[in-house]
Amino acid sequence: MTKIISIFIVVLVLFGGWHLFLYWEKVKNQEETAKKDAAAAVVLGDQLQGMPPGLDQSLVAAQRGGATGLRNWLKAYGAKVQDPRKAWIELDYVQAVYRDDPAEARKVFHQVKDRVPATSPVYQRIKQLEPTYQ
């Protein structure tokens, strides 16, 4: 009888140890995810890839022109710019045009959201803006 009780106690200790290990892995994964999210939040639009050299000054001038300036810039140079930088600029346009034309802002936002994968550095910004443009 004591052998059965001893075996039962050993099995319980092993079972408890296994669950403690699984819990530790879960906490460790949550910490790593939080670190990755924090690193993604630090992304600046000027640092993203996808824009040919020489267009930076025209983009700055367009940004000073507000929604109309960005719209015209995207029409003129949008085909030359690639994601993720293009998505960032379009999100700037969405924020600029929202006050005057919410339907246009939602349309462009959904186009960007559908185009950008979850692995993109712009994805965190999309998730932050999503409640506003649903």
Protein backbone atom coordinates (compact mmCIF):
# COMPACT_ATOMS: atom_id res chain seq x y z
CA MET A 1 0.00 0.00 0.00
CA THR A 2 2.83 2.41 0.79
CA LYS A 3 4.36 1.72 -2.63
CA ILE A 4 1.12 2.75 -4.34
CA ILE A 5 0.95 5.94 -2.28
CA SER A 6 4.60 6.72 -3.08
CA ILE A 7 4.00 6.21 -6.80
CA PHE A 8 0.91 8.40 -6.63
CA ILE A 9 2.88 11.20 -4.92
CA VAL A 10 5.66 10.98 -7.53
CA VAL A 11 3.11 11.17 -10.35
CA LEU A 12 1.46 14.20 -8.71
CA VAL A 13 4.83 15.96 -8.33
CA LEU A 14 5.70 15.26 -11.97
CA PHE A 15 2.27 16.47 -13.09
CA GLY A 16 2.62 19.65 -11.03
CA GLY A 17 6.15 20.23 -12.36
CA TRP A 18 4.94 19.86 -15.93
CA HIS A 19 2.18 22.43 -15.44
CA LEU A 20 4.63 24.80 -13.75
CA PHE A 21 6.92 24.45 -16.79
CA LEU A 22 4.05 25.19 -19.19
CA TYR A 23 3.08 28.26 -17.18
CA TRP A 24 6.69 29.50 -17.24
CA GLU A 25 6.83 29.15 -21.04
CA LYS A 26 3.57 31.06 -21.39
CA VAL A 27 4.84 33.97 -19.27
CA LYS A 28 8.14 34.00 -21.16
CA ASN A 29 6.33 34.16 -24.52
CA GLN A 30 4.12 37.01 -23.30
CA GLU A 31 7.20 39.00 -22.26
CA GLU A 32 8.83 38.47 -25.67
CA THR A 33 5.65 39.55 -27.44
CA ALA A 34 5.45 42.69 -25.30
CA LYS A 35 9.06 43.55 -26.18
CA LYS A 36 8.37 43.09 -29.91
CA ASP A 37 5.26 45.27 -29.70
CA ALA A 38 7.21 47.99 -27.90
CA ALA A 39 9.91 47.87 -30.56
CA ALA A 40 7.30 48.11 -33.33
CA ALA A 41 5.69 51.14 -31.70
CA VAL A 42 8.94 53.08 -32.06
CA VAL A 43 8.80 52.93 -35.86
CA LEU A 44 9.03 56.31 -37.56
CA GLY A 45 7.70 56.87 -41.06
CA ASP A 46 10.88 58.58 -42.23
CA GLN A 47 12.92 55.46 -41.48
CA LEU A 48 10.83 53.02 -43.50
CA GLN A 49 11.98 51.54 -46.79
CA GLY A 50 10.26 51.93 -50.10
CA MET A 51 10.75 55.54 -51.19
CA PRO A 52 13.24 56.44 -53.90
CA PRO A 53 15.77 59.13 -53.04
CA GLY A 54 14.81 62.59 -54.18
CA LEU A 55 11.15 62.44 -53.23
CA ASP A 56 11.67 63.36 -49.58
CA GLN A 57 11.57 67.11 -50.14
CA SER A 58 8.46 66.95 -52.28
CA LEU A 59 6.78 64.83 -49.59
CA VAL A 60 7.61 67.38 -46.91
CA ALA A 61 6.13 70.11 -49.07
CA ALA A 62 3.02 68.00 -49.68
CA GLN A 63 2.61 67.36 -45.96
CA ARG A 64 2.64 71.11 -45.37
CA GLY A 65 -0.20 71.35 -47.89
CA GLY A 66 -2.42 69.14 -45.74
CA ALA A 67 -4.87 66.63 -47.16
CA THR A 68 -4.95 68.18 -50.62
CA GLY A 69 -1.17 68.27 -50.84
CA LEU A 70 -0.87 64.62 -49.80
CA ARG A 71 -3.63 63.55 -52.18
CA ASN A 72 -1.92 65.26 -55.11
CA TRP A 73 1.48 63.87 -54.08
CA LEU A 74 0.10 60.33 -53.88
CA LYS A 75 -1.47 60.70 -57.33
CA ALA A 76 1.80 61.98 -58.79
CA TYR A 77 4.34 59.78 -57.01
CA GLY A 78 2.33 56.97 -55.41
CA ALA A 79 3.29 54.45 -58.10
CA LYS A 80 7.01 55.07 -57.43
CA VAL A 81 6.75 54.49 -53.68
CA GLN A 82 6.46 50.98 -52.26
CA ASP A 83 5.24 49.56 -48.97
CA PRO A 84 5.80 50.00 -46.07
CA ARG A 85 6.59 53.67 -46.71
CA LYS A 86 3.63 54.10 -49.06
CA ALA A 87 1.26 52.68 -46.44
CA TRP A 88 2.64 55.10 -43.84
CA ILE A 89 2.12 58.08 -46.15
CA GLU A 90 -1.40 56.92 -47.00
CA LEU A 91 -2.20 56.66 -43.29
CA ASP A 92 -0.95 60.24 -42.89
CA TYR A 93 -3.35 61.18 -45.69
CA VAL A 94 -6.19 59.30 -43.96
CA GLN A 95 -5.64 61.29 -40.78
CA ALA A 96 -5.44 64.56 -42.70
CA VAL A 97 -8.59 64.02 -44.79
CA TYR A 98 -10.80 62.53 -42.05
CA ARG A 99 -12.18 65.86 -40.87
CA ASP A 100 -13.25 66.98 -44.36
CA ASP A 101 -14.18 63.65 -45.96
CA PRO A 102 -14.66 60.74 -43.53
CA ALA A 103 -15.87 58.40 -46.30
CA GLU A 104 -12.65 58.93 -48.29
CA ALA A 105 -10.59 58.37 -45.13
CA ARG A 106 -12.33 55.08 -44.37
CA LYS A 107 -11.97 53.91 -47.98
CA VAL A 108 -8.23 54.59 -48.10
CA PHE A 109 -7.74 53.14 -44.61
CA HIS A 110 -9.41 49.87 -45.60
CA GLN A 111 -7.32 49.68 -48.78
CA VAL A 112 -4.15 50.05 -46.73
CA LYS A 113 -5.36 47.60 -44.08
CA ASP A 114 -6.19 44.96 -46.70
CA ARG A 115 -2.83 45.40 -48.42
CA VAL A 116 -0.46 45.44 -45.43
CA PRO A 117 0.49 42.09 -43.85
CA ALA A 118 0.68 41.59 -40.08
CA THR A 119 4.47 41.36 -40.29
CA SER A 120 4.82 44.91 -41.63
CA PRO A 121 6.25 47.63 -39.38
CA VAL A 122 3.18 49.72 -40.25
CA TYR A 123 0.76 47.10 -38.88
CA GLN A 124 0.96 48.44 -35.31
CA ARG A 125 -0.11 51.88 -36.51
CA ILE A 126 -2.99 50.34 -38.43
CA LYS A 127 -4.16 48.58 -35.28
CA GLN A 128 -3.99 51.85 -33.34
CA LEU A 129 -6.05 53.72 -35.95
CA GLU A 130 -8.50 50.90 -36.62
CA PRO A 131 -11.15 51.86 -34.02
CA THR A 132 -11.39 55.35 -35.51
CA TYR A 133 -11.84 54.28 -39.13
CA GLN A 134 -14.09 51.22 -38.79
